[in-house]
Amino acid sequence: MNTKKGIQILKNYGFFVKILSFCIFLLYPYVKNNYQRKRVTTLSPELQNVINWFLSKDSMSPKKLQKLLYYAYSWTLTLENEDSEELENRLFEEDFEAWVHGPVIPDVYFEYRNYGYQNIPKKDFSPDLPEEIEDILEQVWEEYGEFTGNELETITHKEDPWRNARKGYNPIERCNEKISDIDIFNYYIQQVEYID
């Protein structure tokens, strides 16, 4: 009698597991999409202003926006600081990570990822920024604004800061390593000195 009850319980348990698995299978896409939509991004006001400044120039893909933000950050870090020992003057507080497709600010990625390969619409306004910052952004736009996101990705892949952060990773391996401000400064200060 106890053996029969045990077998019946196992059969009922097996049936329950199958039903539960089926429900999870049906609900997974909904739960996954709902979780992704609810991710809250918090962009600093400084970063949001720089994003709005670039988007006031033209519509662009999220990838192009990320790379322009990277160059704006890098140029500001290099031009607004005396040496790599004291990198106090940053364009914004967010850090870049060395993702497969180049430097990325994760919160910017999550903010604009619904655009995929489509362009983020152009903004009708440009934020007020300090004159020296606006001057740097104009220089970055003049230097890199004509490139596509894919072309900018290729350029960043040839530069030391991104490459250093990805040491030990293969080209298509996921990586969340931060790109070092010291590496950024040391690399781009050489470019400035080379031009002078």
Protein backbone atom coordinates (compact mmCIF):
# COMPACT_ATOMS: atom_id res chain seq x y z
CA MET A 1 0.00 0.00 0.00
CA ASN A 2 2.78 2.49 0.87
CA THR A 3 4.62 1.69 -2.36
CA LYS A 4 1.51 2.44 -4.42
CA LYS A 5 1.01 5.76 -2.62
CA GLY A 6 4.66 6.64 -3.21
CA ILE A 7 4.39 5.82 -6.91
CA GLN A 8 1.20 7.86 -7.19
CA ILE A 9 2.83 10.83 -5.45
CA LEU A 10 5.81 10.63 -7.83
CA LYS A 11 3.47 10.49 -10.82
CA ASN A 12 1.55 13.49 -9.53
CA TYR A 13 4.83 15.30 -8.82
CA GLY A 14 6.09 14.52 -12.34
CA PHE A 15 2.84 15.85 -13.82
CA PHE A 16 3.14 18.98 -11.65
CA VAL A 17 6.74 19.56 -12.83
CA LYS A 18 5.66 19.22 -16.47
CA ILE A 19 2.84 21.73 -15.99
CA LEU A 20 5.16 24.15 -14.19
CA SER A 21 7.81 23.82 -16.90
CA PHE A 22 5.21 24.50 -19.58
CA CYS A 23 3.97 27.60 -17.73
CA ILE A 24 7.54 28.91 -17.39
CA PHE A 25 8.09 28.25 -21.11
CA LEU A 26 4.97 30.29 -21.96
CA LEU A 27 5.70 33.14 -19.54
CA TYR A 28 9.47 33.52 -20.08
CA PRO A 29 9.28 35.93 -23.06
CA TYR A 30 6.78 38.12 -21.22
CA VAL A 31 8.81 38.19 -17.99
CA LYS A 32 12.06 38.80 -19.90
CA ASN A 33 10.62 41.69 -21.95
CA ASN A 34 8.89 43.17 -18.95
CA TYR A 35 12.12 43.09 -16.94
CA GLN A 36 14.05 44.71 -19.77
CA ARG A 37 11.49 47.48 -20.16
CA LYS A 38 11.52 48.24 -16.44
CA ARG A 39 15.28 48.71 -16.14
CA VAL A 40 15.68 52.22 -14.82
CA THR A 41 18.60 54.17 -16.15
CA THR A 42 19.98 57.13 -14.33
CA LEU A 43 22.04 59.40 -16.50
CA SER A 44 23.78 62.28 -14.80
CA PRO A 45 22.57 65.75 -15.87
CA GLU A 46 26.02 66.40 -17.37
CA LEU A 47 25.85 63.28 -19.51
CA GLN A 48 22.26 64.01 -20.57
CA ASN A 49 23.34 67.50 -21.66
CA VAL A 50 26.16 66.11 -23.80
CA ILE A 51 23.78 63.55 -25.34
CA ASN A 52 21.28 66.31 -26.13
CA TRP A 53 24.05 68.47 -27.60
CA PHE A 54 25.11 65.74 -30.04
CA LEU A 55 21.51 64.88 -30.89
CA SER A 56 20.83 68.55 -31.63
CA LYS A 57 23.44 68.25 -34.40
CA ASP A 58 21.85 65.30 -36.19
CA SER A 59 19.94 62.06 -35.75
CA MET A 60 22.28 59.11 -35.22
CA SER A 61 22.46 55.46 -34.26
CA PRO A 62 23.00 54.53 -30.61
CA LYS A 63 26.43 53.15 -31.57
CA LYS A 64 27.51 56.45 -33.12
CA LEU A 65 26.22 58.35 -30.08
CA GLN A 66 28.23 56.09 -27.75
CA LYS A 67 31.44 56.67 -29.72
CA LEU A 68 30.95 60.44 -29.90
CA LEU A 69 30.39 60.46 -26.13
CA TYR A 70 33.61 58.50 -25.72
CA TYR A 71 35.64 60.93 -27.81
CA ALA A 72 34.06 63.96 -26.12
CA TYR A 73 34.90 62.45 -22.73
CA SER A 74 38.44 61.53 -23.82
CA TRP A 75 39.21 64.92 -25.32
CA THR A 76 37.84 66.74 -22.27
CA LEU A 77 39.83 64.53 -19.91
CA THR A 78 42.98 65.20 -21.93
CA LEU A 79 42.55 68.92 -22.57
CA GLU A 80 41.14 69.94 -19.18
CA ASN A 81 43.70 68.17 -16.94
CA GLU A 82 47.40 68.82 -16.45
CA ASP A 83 48.59 65.25 -15.95
CA SER A 84 47.40 61.70 -15.31
CA GLU A 85 48.01 61.97 -11.55
CA GLU A 86 45.07 64.32 -11.00
CA LEU A 87 42.21 63.66 -13.41
CA GLU A 88 39.61 65.75 -11.63
CA ASN A 89 38.06 67.43 -14.67
CA ARG A 90 35.75 64.90 -16.25
CA LEU A 91 32.98 65.68 -18.73
CA PHE A 92 30.55 63.51 -16.74
CA GLU A 93 30.73 60.94 -13.94
CA GLU A 94 29.82 57.80 -15.91
CA ASP A 95 32.53 55.31 -16.88
CA PHE A 96 33.02 53.55 -20.20
CA GLU A 97 33.25 49.79 -20.46
CA ALA A 98 35.20 47.92 -23.16
CA TRP A 99 32.36 46.10 -24.91
CA VAL A 100 32.74 44.08 -28.10
CA HIS A 101 31.65 47.00 -30.29
CA GLY A 102 33.84 49.57 -28.57
CA PRO A 103 33.53 51.88 -25.57
CA VAL A 104 30.03 51.90 -24.05
CA ILE A 105 28.31 53.56 -21.12
CA PRO A 106 25.90 50.80 -20.04
CA ASP A 107 23.11 53.16 -18.94
CA VAL A 108 23.22 54.95 -22.31
CA TYR A 109 22.99 51.57 -24.02
CA PHE A 110 19.89 50.63 -22.01
CA GLU A 111 18.35 54.06 -22.52
CA TYR A 112 18.56 53.88 -26.32
CA ARG A 113 18.77 50.18 -27.17
CA ASN A 114 15.18 50.05 -28.41
CA TYR A 115 16.38 52.02 -31.44
CA GLY A 116 18.61 49.09 -32.44
CA TYR A 117 20.24 50.04 -35.74
CA GLN A 118 17.77 52.88 -36.35
CA ASN A 119 18.66 56.50 -35.71
CA ILE A 120 17.70 58.32 -32.55
CA PRO A 121 15.71 61.37 -33.71
CA LYS A 122 17.39 64.76 -33.87
CA LYS A 123 16.59 67.11 -30.96
CA ASP A 124 15.17 70.56 -31.63
CA PHE A 125 17.19 72.23 -28.89
CA SER A 126 20.78 72.45 -27.74
CA PRO A 127 21.57 72.70 -24.01
CA ASP A 128 23.56 75.57 -22.59
CA LEU A 129 27.06 74.35 -21.81
CA PRO A 130 30.18 76.13 -20.57
CA GLU A 131 32.07 77.71 -23.46
CA GLU A 132 35.20 75.54 -23.10
CA ILE A 133 33.09 72.35 -23.10
CA GLU A 134 31.06 73.45 -26.11
CA ASP A 135 34.32 74.23 -27.91
CA ILE A 136 35.60 70.68 -27.25
CA LEU A 137 32.29 69.16 -28.37
CA GLU A 138 32.43 71.20 -31.59
CA GLN A 139 35.95 69.92 -32.26
CA VAL A 140 34.85 66.32 -31.64
CA TRP A 141 31.86 66.81 -33.95
CA GLU A 142 34.07 68.30 -36.68
CA GLU A 143 36.56 65.43 -36.37
CA TYR A 144 34.17 62.48 -36.00
CA GLY A 145 30.66 63.66 -36.94
CA GLU A 146 30.89 62.45 -40.54
CA PHE A 147 31.67 58.86 -39.56
CA THR A 148 29.08 56.12 -39.06
CA GLY A 149 28.85 54.18 -35.84
CA ASN A 150 30.58 51.21 -37.48
CA GLU A 151 33.45 53.39 -38.70
CA LEU A 152 33.87 54.90 -35.25
CA GLU A 153 33.84 51.41 -33.73
CA THR A 154 36.70 50.44 -36.05
CA ILE A 155 38.70 53.51 -35.00
CA THR A 156 38.24 52.82 -31.27
CA HIS A 157 39.35 49.21 -31.80
CA LYS A 158 42.73 50.47 -32.99
CA GLU A 159 43.32 52.63 -29.91
CA ASP A 160 45.10 51.60 -26.71
CA PRO A 161 42.50 52.48 -24.03
CA TRP A 162 39.89 50.05 -25.38
CA ARG A 163 42.51 47.42 -26.27
CA ASN A 164 44.13 47.59 -22.82
CA ALA A 165 40.79 47.12 -21.06
CA ARG A 166 40.07 44.04 -23.20
CA LYS A 167 43.38 42.27 -22.59
CA GLY A 168 42.71 38.58 -22.02
CA TYR A 169 39.36 38.64 -23.86
CA ASN A 170 38.82 37.28 -27.34
CA PRO A 171 37.32 39.66 -29.95
CA ILE A 172 33.73 38.49 -29.55
CA GLU A 173 33.77 37.76 -25.82
CA ARG A 174 31.54 39.81 -23.53
CA CYS A 175 33.57 42.23 -21.41
CA ASN A 176 32.50 44.76 -18.79
CA GLU A 177 35.97 46.01 -17.87
CA LYS A 178 36.13 49.74 -17.26
CA ILE A 179 38.32 51.76 -19.59
CA SER A 180 40.89 53.47 -17.40
CA ASP A 181 40.93 57.28 -17.28
CA ILE A 182 44.71 57.09 -16.95
CA ASP A 183 44.92 55.03 -20.15
CA ILE A 184 42.63 57.50 -21.91
CA PHE A 185 44.68 60.50 -20.79
CA ASN A 186 48.05 58.92 -21.59
CA TYR A 187 46.94 57.81 -25.05
CA TYR A 188 45.27 61.04 -26.16
CA ILE A 189 47.88 63.37 -24.68
CA GLN A 190 50.35 61.71 -27.03
CA GLN A 191 48.02 62.52 -29.93
CA VAL A 192 47.85 66.16 -28.83
CA GLU A 193 51.64 66.36 -28.48
CA TYR A 194 52.05 64.69 -31.90
CA ILE A 195 49.85 67.39 -33.51
CA ASP A 196 51.71 70.23 -31.76
